[in-house]
């Protein structure tokens, strides 16, 4: 089970008067932009490739019945509805981005800082984070996306919403 961030103790570049609030993203705070065309989007077009997996059957003297039809998801990709750019990302991660629960980070251009956080289990750890528009996003998994941009593939990292900060 993943621990929840309880408190952010300090981070590189922190000003002494920084106020930090840990919490859930407020409804309706999306403002998602395509990483290729920079247009604001509220949906992705998605492709999903499936293969048939083992299919449990009930075999009797006279019949063969399918108990459950099982399919494996093999390939997922999303497309920007405005420019058609292909983004190889899990569909569930794309939904989280659209809800504002996660963002795609370009490690070659976005500033990534180190946060020391206290988890709800009392332990502390350092994590990579991005501070964007008053919100804190932290790297909690190995999820990423491959985006075809400028004639080549670029790797973007998935960072998850952790709270808000205020520079006062």
N, C-alpha and C. Protein backbone atom coordinates (compact mmCIF):
# COMPACT_ATOMS: atom_id res chain seq x y z
N UNK A 1 0.83 -1.18 0.00
CA UNK A 1 0.00 0.00 0.00
C UNK A 1 0.87 1.24 0.00
N UNK A 2 0.50 2.25 -0.80
CA UNK A 2 1.27 3.48 -0.92
C UNK A 2 0.96 4.38 0.26
N UNK A 3 2.00 4.94 0.91
CA UNK A 3 1.80 5.88 1.99
C UNK A 3 1.39 7.24 1.44
N UNK A 4 0.67 7.98 2.24
CA UNK A 4 0.18 9.29 1.85
C UNK A 4 1.10 10.36 2.45
N UNK A 5 1.35 11.42 1.68
CA UNK A 5 2.17 12.51 2.19
C UNK A 5 1.40 13.21 3.30
N UNK A 6 2.03 13.31 4.48
CA UNK A 6 1.41 13.97 5.62
C UNK A 6 1.90 15.40 5.73
N UNK A 7 3.19 15.63 5.51
CA UNK A 7 3.78 16.95 5.69
C UNK A 7 5.02 17.06 4.83
N UNK A 8 5.24 18.23 4.25
CA UNK A 8 6.47 18.50 3.53
C UNK A 8 7.37 19.25 4.49
N UNK A 9 8.53 18.68 4.80
CA UNK A 9 9.41 19.24 5.81
C UNK A 9 10.27 20.36 5.25
N UNK A 10 10.89 20.17 4.10
CA UNK A 10 11.72 21.20 3.48
C UNK A 10 12.00 20.79 2.06
N UNK A 11 12.42 21.74 1.24
CA UNK A 11 12.84 21.39 -0.10
C UNK A 11 13.89 22.37 -0.58
N UNK A 12 14.64 21.93 -1.57
CA UNK A 12 15.69 22.77 -2.12
C UNK A 12 15.07 24.02 -2.71
N UNK A 13 15.61 25.20 -2.38
CA UNK A 13 15.11 26.46 -2.90
C UNK A 13 13.94 27.03 -2.12
N UNK A 14 13.59 26.45 -0.97
CA UNK A 14 12.44 26.91 -0.20
C UNK A 14 12.74 28.26 0.46
N UNK A 15 11.80 29.20 0.34
CA UNK A 15 11.89 30.47 1.04
C UNK A 15 11.35 30.27 2.44
N UNK A 16 11.85 31.03 3.40
CA UNK A 16 11.47 30.83 4.80
C UNK A 16 9.98 31.06 5.06
N UNK A 17 9.31 31.87 4.25
CA UNK A 17 7.90 32.16 4.50
C UNK A 17 6.96 31.34 3.62
N UNK A 18 7.43 30.24 3.07
CA UNK A 18 6.58 29.41 2.21
C UNK A 18 5.55 28.67 3.04
N UNK A 19 4.27 28.81 2.67
CA UNK A 19 3.21 28.05 3.33
C UNK A 19 2.84 26.89 2.43
N UNK A 20 2.77 25.70 3.01
CA UNK A 20 2.46 24.51 2.22
C UNK A 20 1.22 23.84 2.79
N UNK A 21 0.28 23.49 1.92
CA UNK A 21 -0.94 22.82 2.33
C UNK A 21 -1.05 21.51 1.57
N UNK A 22 -1.13 20.42 2.29
CA UNK A 22 -1.30 19.11 1.67
C UNK A 22 -2.79 18.86 1.53
N UNK A 23 -3.21 18.36 0.38
CA UNK A 23 -4.63 18.09 0.22
C UNK A 23 -4.96 17.56 -1.14
N UNK A 24 -6.25 17.39 -1.37
CA UNK A 24 -6.73 16.87 -2.64
C UNK A 24 -6.94 18.02 -3.62
N UNK A 25 -6.83 17.70 -4.89
CA UNK A 25 -7.08 18.67 -5.96
C UNK A 25 -8.55 19.07 -5.90
N UNK A 26 -8.83 20.36 -6.01
CA UNK A 26 -10.20 20.85 -6.04
C UNK A 26 -10.84 20.48 -7.37
N UNK A 27 -12.11 20.17 -7.35
CA UNK A 27 -12.83 19.82 -8.58
C UNK A 27 -12.77 20.98 -9.58
N UNK A 28 -12.67 20.64 -10.84
CA UNK A 28 -12.70 21.63 -11.90
C UNK A 28 -11.40 22.37 -12.13
N UNK A 29 -10.31 21.94 -11.50
CA UNK A 29 -9.03 22.61 -11.69
C UNK A 29 -8.17 21.80 -12.63
N UNK A 30 -8.49 21.80 -13.90
CA UNK A 30 -7.72 21.01 -14.83
C UNK A 30 -6.74 21.87 -15.61
N UNK A 31 -7.21 22.58 -16.63
CA UNK A 31 -6.32 23.41 -17.42
C UNK A 31 -5.22 22.61 -18.10
N UNK A 32 -5.53 21.42 -18.59
CA UNK A 32 -4.55 20.54 -19.20
C UNK A 32 -4.23 21.06 -20.61
N UNK A 33 -2.93 21.08 -20.93
CA UNK A 33 -2.49 21.51 -22.26
C UNK A 33 -1.76 20.36 -22.93
N UNK A 34 -1.95 20.24 -24.23
CA UNK A 34 -1.23 19.23 -25.01
C UNK A 34 0.25 19.59 -24.98
N UNK A 35 1.13 18.61 -24.71
CA UNK A 35 2.56 18.90 -24.68
C UNK A 35 3.18 19.15 -26.05
N UNK A 36 2.41 18.96 -27.11
CA UNK A 36 2.92 19.19 -28.46
C UNK A 36 2.42 20.52 -29.02
N UNK A 37 1.09 20.71 -29.08
CA UNK A 37 0.54 21.93 -29.70
C UNK A 37 0.24 23.03 -28.69
N UNK A 38 0.25 22.70 -27.38
CA UNK A 38 0.00 23.64 -26.28
C UNK A 38 -1.44 24.13 -26.23
N UNK A 39 -2.36 23.52 -26.98
CA UNK A 39 -3.78 23.87 -26.87
C UNK A 39 -4.35 23.26 -25.60
N UNK A 40 -5.32 23.94 -24.98
CA UNK A 40 -6.00 23.38 -23.82
C UNK A 40 -6.92 22.27 -24.30
N UNK A 41 -6.90 21.15 -23.58
CA UNK A 41 -7.72 20.00 -23.96
C UNK A 41 -8.49 19.50 -22.74
N UNK A 42 -9.63 18.87 -22.99
CA UNK A 42 -10.43 18.29 -21.90
C UNK A 42 -10.68 16.80 -22.14
N UNK A 43 -10.00 16.24 -23.13
CA UNK A 43 -10.14 14.82 -23.44
C UNK A 43 -8.97 14.36 -24.30
N UNK A 44 -8.79 13.07 -24.39
CA UNK A 44 -7.86 12.44 -25.32
C UNK A 44 -8.65 11.49 -26.20
N UNK A 45 -8.18 11.22 -27.40
CA UNK A 45 -8.68 10.13 -28.22
C UNK A 45 -7.75 8.96 -27.92
N UNK A 46 -8.27 7.77 -27.69
CA UNK A 46 -7.43 6.65 -27.27
C UNK A 46 -7.59 5.44 -28.17
N UNK A 47 -6.48 4.68 -28.32
CA UNK A 47 -6.47 3.36 -28.96
C UNK A 47 -6.08 2.36 -27.88
N UNK A 48 -6.68 1.21 -27.93
CA UNK A 48 -6.30 0.15 -27.00
C UNK A 48 -6.25 -1.16 -27.78
N UNK A 49 -5.13 -1.86 -27.68
CA UNK A 49 -4.99 -3.15 -28.35
C UNK A 49 -5.11 -4.28 -27.34
N UNK A 50 -5.95 -5.25 -27.65
CA UNK A 50 -6.20 -6.37 -26.74
C UNK A 50 -5.85 -7.68 -27.42
N UNK A 51 -5.44 -8.67 -26.62
CA UNK A 51 -5.32 -10.04 -27.10
C UNK A 51 -6.18 -10.92 -26.20
N UNK A 52 -6.68 -11.97 -26.78
CA UNK A 52 -7.51 -12.89 -26.02
C UNK A 52 -6.62 -13.70 -25.09
N UNK A 53 -7.00 -13.76 -23.85
CA UNK A 53 -6.24 -14.51 -22.85
C UNK A 53 -6.86 -15.89 -22.68
N UNK A 54 -6.44 -16.60 -21.69
CA UNK A 54 -7.02 -17.90 -21.37
C UNK A 54 -8.50 -17.70 -21.11
N UNK A 55 -9.30 -18.55 -21.70
CA UNK A 55 -10.74 -18.42 -21.57
C UNK A 55 -11.28 -19.61 -20.78
N UNK A 56 -11.74 -19.35 -19.52
CA UNK A 56 -12.31 -20.44 -18.72
C UNK A 56 -13.60 -20.97 -19.38
N UNK A 57 -13.67 -22.28 -19.49
CA UNK A 57 -14.83 -22.92 -20.11
C UNK A 57 -15.45 -23.93 -19.16
N UNK A 58 -16.76 -24.11 -19.29
CA UNK A 58 -17.47 -25.16 -18.57
C UNK A 58 -17.79 -26.23 -19.61
N UNK A 59 -17.18 -27.42 -19.43
CA UNK A 59 -17.33 -28.50 -20.40
C UNK A 59 -18.21 -29.59 -19.78
N UNK A 60 -19.32 -29.88 -20.44
CA UNK A 60 -20.19 -30.98 -20.01
C UNK A 60 -20.23 -32.01 -21.13
N UNK A 61 -21.03 -33.07 -20.98
CA UNK A 61 -21.12 -34.10 -22.02
C UNK A 61 -21.55 -33.53 -23.35
N UNK A 62 -22.48 -32.57 -23.33
CA UNK A 62 -23.06 -32.10 -24.57
C UNK A 62 -22.79 -30.63 -24.91
N UNK A 63 -22.20 -29.88 -23.96
CA UNK A 63 -22.02 -28.44 -24.21
C UNK A 63 -20.63 -27.96 -23.79
N UNK A 64 -20.28 -26.85 -24.36
CA UNK A 64 -19.10 -26.10 -23.91
C UNK A 64 -19.56 -24.66 -23.75
N UNK A 65 -19.47 -24.15 -22.52
CA UNK A 65 -19.92 -22.79 -22.23
C UNK A 65 -18.73 -21.93 -21.81
N UNK A 66 -18.75 -20.71 -22.29
CA UNK A 66 -17.75 -19.74 -21.84
C UNK A 66 -18.18 -19.23 -20.47
N UNK A 67 -17.31 -19.41 -19.47
CA UNK A 67 -17.61 -18.93 -18.11
C UNK A 67 -17.31 -17.43 -18.03
N UNK A 68 -16.17 -17.07 -18.56
CA UNK A 68 -15.77 -15.67 -18.50
C UNK A 68 -14.88 -15.37 -19.71
N UNK A 69 -15.16 -14.27 -20.36
CA UNK A 69 -14.36 -13.86 -21.50
C UNK A 69 -13.25 -12.94 -20.99
N UNK A 70 -12.00 -13.38 -21.08
CA UNK A 70 -10.88 -12.62 -20.52
C UNK A 70 -9.99 -12.10 -21.63
N UNK A 71 -9.69 -10.80 -21.57
CA UNK A 71 -8.82 -10.16 -22.55
C UNK A 71 -7.68 -9.46 -21.84
N UNK A 72 -6.50 -9.47 -22.43
CA UNK A 72 -5.35 -8.74 -21.90
C UNK A 72 -5.16 -7.46 -22.69
N UNK A 73 -4.96 -6.36 -21.97
CA UNK A 73 -4.66 -5.09 -22.60
C UNK A 73 -3.17 -5.08 -22.94
N UNK A 74 -2.85 -5.00 -24.23
CA UNK A 74 -1.46 -5.07 -24.67
C UNK A 74 -0.84 -3.72 -24.98
N UNK A 75 -1.62 -2.83 -25.51
CA UNK A 75 -1.05 -1.59 -26.02
C UNK A 75 -2.05 -0.46 -25.83
N UNK A 76 -1.58 0.65 -25.25
CA UNK A 76 -2.44 1.82 -25.05
C UNK A 76 -1.72 3.04 -25.60
N UNK A 77 -2.46 3.90 -26.26
CA UNK A 77 -1.90 5.19 -26.66
C UNK A 77 -3.05 6.18 -26.77
N UNK A 78 -2.70 7.44 -26.53
CA UNK A 78 -3.68 8.51 -26.60
C UNK A 78 -3.24 9.52 -27.65
N UNK A 79 -4.20 10.27 -28.16
CA UNK A 79 -3.94 11.29 -29.16
C UNK A 79 -4.56 12.61 -28.71
N UNK A 80 -3.88 13.70 -28.99
CA UNK A 80 -4.44 15.03 -28.73
C UNK A 80 -5.60 15.23 -29.70
N UNK A 81 -6.78 15.65 -29.21
CA UNK A 81 -7.92 15.86 -30.11
C UNK A 81 -7.75 17.10 -30.99
N UNK A 82 -6.80 17.97 -30.67
CA UNK A 82 -6.60 19.20 -31.46
C UNK A 82 -5.58 19.00 -32.57
N UNK A 83 -4.40 18.41 -32.24
CA UNK A 83 -3.34 18.30 -33.26
C UNK A 83 -3.06 16.85 -33.68
N UNK A 84 -3.65 15.88 -32.98
CA UNK A 84 -3.46 14.48 -33.33
C UNK A 84 -2.15 13.87 -32.87
N UNK A 85 -1.37 14.60 -32.05
CA UNK A 85 -0.09 14.07 -31.57
C UNK A 85 -0.30 12.78 -30.77
N UNK A 86 0.58 11.79 -31.02
CA UNK A 86 0.49 10.51 -30.33
C UNK A 86 1.24 10.58 -29.01
N UNK A 87 0.56 10.15 -27.93
CA UNK A 87 1.13 10.12 -26.59
C UNK A 87 0.97 8.71 -26.06
N UNK A 88 2.07 7.98 -25.94
CA UNK A 88 1.98 6.60 -25.44
C UNK A 88 1.96 6.65 -23.92
N UNK A 89 0.75 6.51 -23.39
CA UNK A 89 0.52 6.58 -21.95
C UNK A 89 -0.65 5.67 -21.61
N UNK A 90 -0.66 5.14 -20.39
CA UNK A 90 -1.78 4.31 -19.95
C UNK A 90 -3.04 5.17 -19.90
N UNK A 91 -4.15 4.59 -20.31
CA UNK A 91 -5.42 5.33 -20.36
C UNK A 91 -5.81 5.82 -18.97
N UNK A 92 -5.58 5.02 -17.93
CA UNK A 92 -5.90 5.46 -16.56
C UNK A 92 -5.05 6.66 -16.16
N UNK A 93 -3.78 6.70 -16.59
CA UNK A 93 -2.93 7.86 -16.30
C UNK A 93 -3.42 9.09 -17.07
N UNK A 94 -3.89 8.89 -18.30
CA UNK A 94 -4.45 10.00 -19.08
C UNK A 94 -5.66 10.60 -18.36
N UNK A 95 -6.50 9.74 -17.79
CA UNK A 95 -7.66 10.22 -17.03
C UNK A 95 -7.21 11.03 -15.82
N UNK A 96 -6.17 10.56 -15.12
CA UNK A 96 -5.67 11.27 -13.94
C UNK A 96 -5.12 12.65 -14.33
N UNK A 97 -4.49 12.74 -15.49
CA UNK A 97 -3.99 14.03 -15.99
C UNK A 97 -5.16 14.97 -16.26
N UNK A 98 -6.20 14.46 -16.91
CA UNK A 98 -7.37 15.29 -17.22
C UNK A 98 -8.11 15.76 -15.96
N UNK A 99 -8.06 14.96 -14.89
CA UNK A 99 -8.69 15.34 -13.62
C UNK A 99 -7.80 16.27 -12.80
N UNK A 100 -6.56 16.51 -13.26
CA UNK A 100 -5.64 17.37 -12.51
C UNK A 100 -4.92 16.65 -11.39
N UNK A 101 -5.02 15.33 -11.33
CA UNK A 101 -4.37 14.54 -10.28
C UNK A 101 -2.92 14.22 -10.61
N UNK A 102 -2.50 14.49 -11.84
CA UNK A 102 -1.13 14.20 -12.28
C UNK A 102 -0.78 15.12 -13.44
N UNK A 103 0.52 15.26 -13.69
CA UNK A 103 0.98 16.04 -14.84
C UNK A 103 2.11 15.29 -15.53
N UNK A 104 2.32 15.61 -16.80
CA UNK A 104 3.47 15.11 -17.53
C UNK A 104 4.59 16.13 -17.42
N UNK A 105 5.79 15.67 -17.07
CA UNK A 105 6.93 16.55 -16.86
C UNK A 105 8.00 16.21 -17.88
N UNK A 106 8.49 17.23 -18.57
CA UNK A 106 9.60 17.07 -19.51
C UNK A 106 10.89 17.29 -18.73
N UNK A 107 11.65 16.21 -18.44
CA UNK A 107 12.85 16.37 -17.62
C UNK A 107 13.93 17.24 -18.26
N UNK A 108 13.82 17.49 -19.57
CA UNK A 108 14.83 18.33 -20.21
C UNK A 108 14.52 19.83 -20.09
N UNK A 109 13.27 20.17 -19.76
CA UNK A 109 12.92 21.60 -19.66
C UNK A 109 12.28 21.99 -18.34
N UNK A 110 11.59 21.09 -17.66
CA UNK A 110 10.91 21.42 -16.40
C UNK A 110 11.88 21.30 -15.23
N UNK A 111 11.78 22.26 -14.29
CA UNK A 111 12.65 22.22 -13.12
C UNK A 111 12.12 21.22 -12.10
N UNK A 112 12.96 20.25 -11.76
CA UNK A 112 12.60 19.24 -10.77
C UNK A 112 13.41 19.53 -9.51
N UNK A 113 12.71 19.65 -8.36
CA UNK A 113 13.36 19.93 -7.08
C UNK A 113 13.26 18.69 -6.19
N UNK A 114 14.02 18.70 -5.10
CA UNK A 114 13.96 17.61 -4.14
C UNK A 114 13.20 18.07 -2.90
N UNK A 115 12.20 17.28 -2.49
CA UNK A 115 11.42 17.56 -1.29
C UNK A 115 11.72 16.52 -0.23
N UNK A 116 11.81 16.93 1.02
CA UNK A 116 11.84 15.98 2.12
C UNK A 116 10.42 15.95 2.68
N UNK A 117 9.80 14.80 2.65
CA UNK A 117 8.41 14.69 3.07
C UNK A 117 8.28 13.74 4.26
N UNK A 118 7.25 13.97 5.06
CA UNK A 118 6.91 13.06 6.14
C UNK A 118 5.65 12.33 5.73
N UNK A 119 5.68 11.01 5.77
CA UNK A 119 4.54 10.20 5.37
C UNK A 119 3.62 9.95 6.55
N UNK A 120 2.40 9.50 6.28
CA UNK A 120 1.45 9.25 7.35
C UNK A 120 1.90 8.14 8.30
N UNK A 121 2.90 7.35 7.89
CA UNK A 121 3.43 6.30 8.78
C UNK A 121 4.56 6.82 9.66
N UNK A 122 4.85 8.16 9.59
CA UNK A 122 5.87 8.77 10.43
C UNK A 122 7.27 8.79 9.84
N UNK A 123 7.49 8.09 8.75
CA UNK A 123 8.82 8.04 8.14
C UNK A 123 9.01 9.24 7.22
N UNK A 124 10.28 9.64 7.04
CA UNK A 124 10.62 10.73 6.13
C UNK A 124 11.36 10.17 4.93
N UNK A 125 11.19 10.81 3.80
CA UNK A 125 11.96 10.43 2.62
C UNK A 125 12.08 11.63 1.69
N UNK A 126 13.07 11.59 0.82
CA UNK A 126 13.26 12.64 -0.18
C UNK A 126 12.66 12.15 -1.50
N UNK A 127 11.94 13.05 -2.16
CA UNK A 127 11.31 12.71 -3.44
C UNK A 127 11.56 13.83 -4.44
N UNK A 128 11.45 13.48 -5.71
CA UNK A 128 11.53 14.49 -6.76
C UNK A 128 10.15 15.14 -6.89
N UNK A 129 10.15 16.45 -7.12
CA UNK A 129 8.89 17.18 -7.22
C UNK A 129 8.98 18.28 -8.26
N UNK A 130 7.81 18.71 -8.73
CA UNK A 130 7.69 19.85 -9.62
C UNK A 130 6.69 20.80 -8.97
N UNK A 131 7.04 22.08 -8.92
CA UNK A 131 6.15 23.12 -8.38
C UNK A 131 5.59 23.87 -9.57
N UNK A 132 4.25 23.83 -9.72
CA UNK A 132 3.64 24.42 -10.91
C UNK A 132 2.31 25.08 -10.54
N UNK A 133 2.20 26.36 -10.83
CA UNK A 133 0.95 27.11 -10.63
C UNK A 133 0.42 26.95 -9.21
N UNK A 134 1.30 27.03 -8.21
CA UNK A 134 0.88 26.93 -6.81
C UNK A 134 0.60 25.52 -6.34
N UNK A 135 0.87 24.53 -7.16
CA UNK A 135 0.62 23.13 -6.82
C UNK A 135 1.93 22.34 -6.77
N UNK A 136 1.95 21.34 -5.92
CA UNK A 136 3.12 20.46 -5.78
C UNK A 136 2.77 19.10 -6.37
N UNK A 137 3.61 18.63 -7.28
CA UNK A 137 3.45 17.30 -7.88
C UNK A 137 4.72 16.50 -7.57
N UNK A 138 4.56 15.25 -7.09
CA UNK A 138 5.72 14.44 -6.75
C UNK A 138 5.76 13.16 -7.57
N UNK A 139 6.98 12.67 -7.78
CA UNK A 139 7.20 11.43 -8.53
C UNK A 139 7.00 10.27 -7.57
N UNK A 140 5.95 9.47 -7.77
CA UNK A 140 5.67 8.36 -6.87
C UNK A 140 5.71 7.01 -7.56
N UNK A 141 5.93 7.00 -8.86
CA UNK A 141 5.96 5.72 -9.56
C UNK A 141 6.90 5.83 -10.75
N UNK A 142 7.06 4.75 -11.47
CA UNK A 142 7.91 4.75 -12.66
C UNK A 142 7.11 5.05 -13.93
N UNK A 143 5.88 5.51 -13.77
CA UNK A 143 5.03 5.78 -14.93
C UNK A 143 5.62 6.91 -15.76
N UNK A 144 5.54 6.76 -17.06
CA UNK A 144 6.01 7.79 -17.95
C UNK A 144 5.20 7.74 -19.24
N UNK A 145 5.54 8.64 -20.15
CA UNK A 145 4.86 8.69 -21.45
C UNK A 145 5.89 8.97 -22.51
N UNK A 146 5.70 8.37 -23.67
CA UNK A 146 6.53 8.67 -24.84
C UNK A 146 5.68 9.53 -25.76
N UNK A 147 6.23 10.68 -26.16
CA UNK A 147 5.49 11.62 -26.99
C UNK A 147 6.28 11.88 -28.26
N UNK A 148 5.61 11.75 -29.40
CA UNK A 148 6.25 12.03 -30.68
C UNK A 148 6.12 13.52 -30.96
N UNK A 149 7.24 14.23 -30.93
CA UNK A 149 7.26 15.68 -31.06
C UNK A 149 8.51 16.10 -31.81
N UNK A 150 8.38 17.03 -32.72
CA UNK A 150 9.51 17.55 -33.50
C UNK A 150 10.25 16.45 -34.25
N UNK A 151 9.52 15.46 -34.75
CA UNK A 151 10.12 14.40 -35.54
C UNK A 151 10.86 13.33 -34.78
N UNK A 152 10.75 13.33 -33.44
CA UNK A 152 11.41 12.29 -32.65
C UNK A 152 10.62 12.03 -31.37
N UNK A 153 10.95 10.92 -30.72
CA UNK A 153 10.27 10.52 -29.48
C UNK A 153 10.92 11.21 -28.29
N UNK A 154 10.09 11.69 -27.36
CA UNK A 154 10.55 12.33 -26.13
C UNK A 154 9.93 11.59 -24.94
N UNK A 155 10.72 11.40 -23.89
CA UNK A 155 10.21 10.73 -22.68
C UNK A 155 9.78 11.78 -21.67
N UNK A 156 8.53 11.70 -21.24
CA UNK A 156 7.99 12.56 -20.20
C UNK A 156 7.73 11.71 -18.96
N UNK A 157 7.86 12.29 -17.78
CA UNK A 157 7.63 11.59 -16.53
C UNK A 157 6.26 11.98 -15.96
N UNK A 158 5.63 11.05 -15.25
CA UNK A 158 4.33 11.31 -14.64
C UNK A 158 4.54 11.68 -13.17
N UNK A 159 4.11 12.87 -12.77
CA UNK A 159 4.18 13.31 -11.38
C UNK A 159 2.75 13.45 -10.85
N UNK A 160 2.54 13.08 -9.58
CA UNK A 160 1.20 13.07 -8.99
C UNK A 160 0.99 14.26 -8.05
N UNK A 161 -0.24 14.79 -8.04
CA UNK A 161 -0.59 15.92 -7.18
C UNK A 161 -0.40 15.56 -5.72
N UNK A 162 0.27 16.47 -4.95
CA UNK A 162 0.49 16.21 -3.53
C UNK A 162 -0.03 17.34 -2.64
N UNK A 163 -0.20 18.53 -3.16
CA UNK A 163 -0.68 19.64 -2.34
C UNK A 163 -0.47 20.96 -3.03
N UNK A 164 -0.61 22.03 -2.24
CA UNK A 164 -0.44 23.37 -2.76
C UNK A 164 0.58 24.12 -1.94
N UNK A 165 1.20 25.15 -2.53
CA UNK A 165 2.13 25.99 -1.79
C UNK A 165 1.81 27.45 -2.07
N UNK A 166 2.28 28.32 -1.19
CA UNK A 166 2.02 29.74 -1.33
C UNK A 166 3.29 30.51 -0.99
N UNK A 167 3.83 31.27 -1.95
CA UNK A 167 5.04 32.07 -1.70
C UNK A 167 4.62 33.42 -1.13
N UNK A 168 4.69 33.58 0.19
CA UNK A 168 4.32 34.87 0.81
C UNK A 168 5.48 35.42 1.58
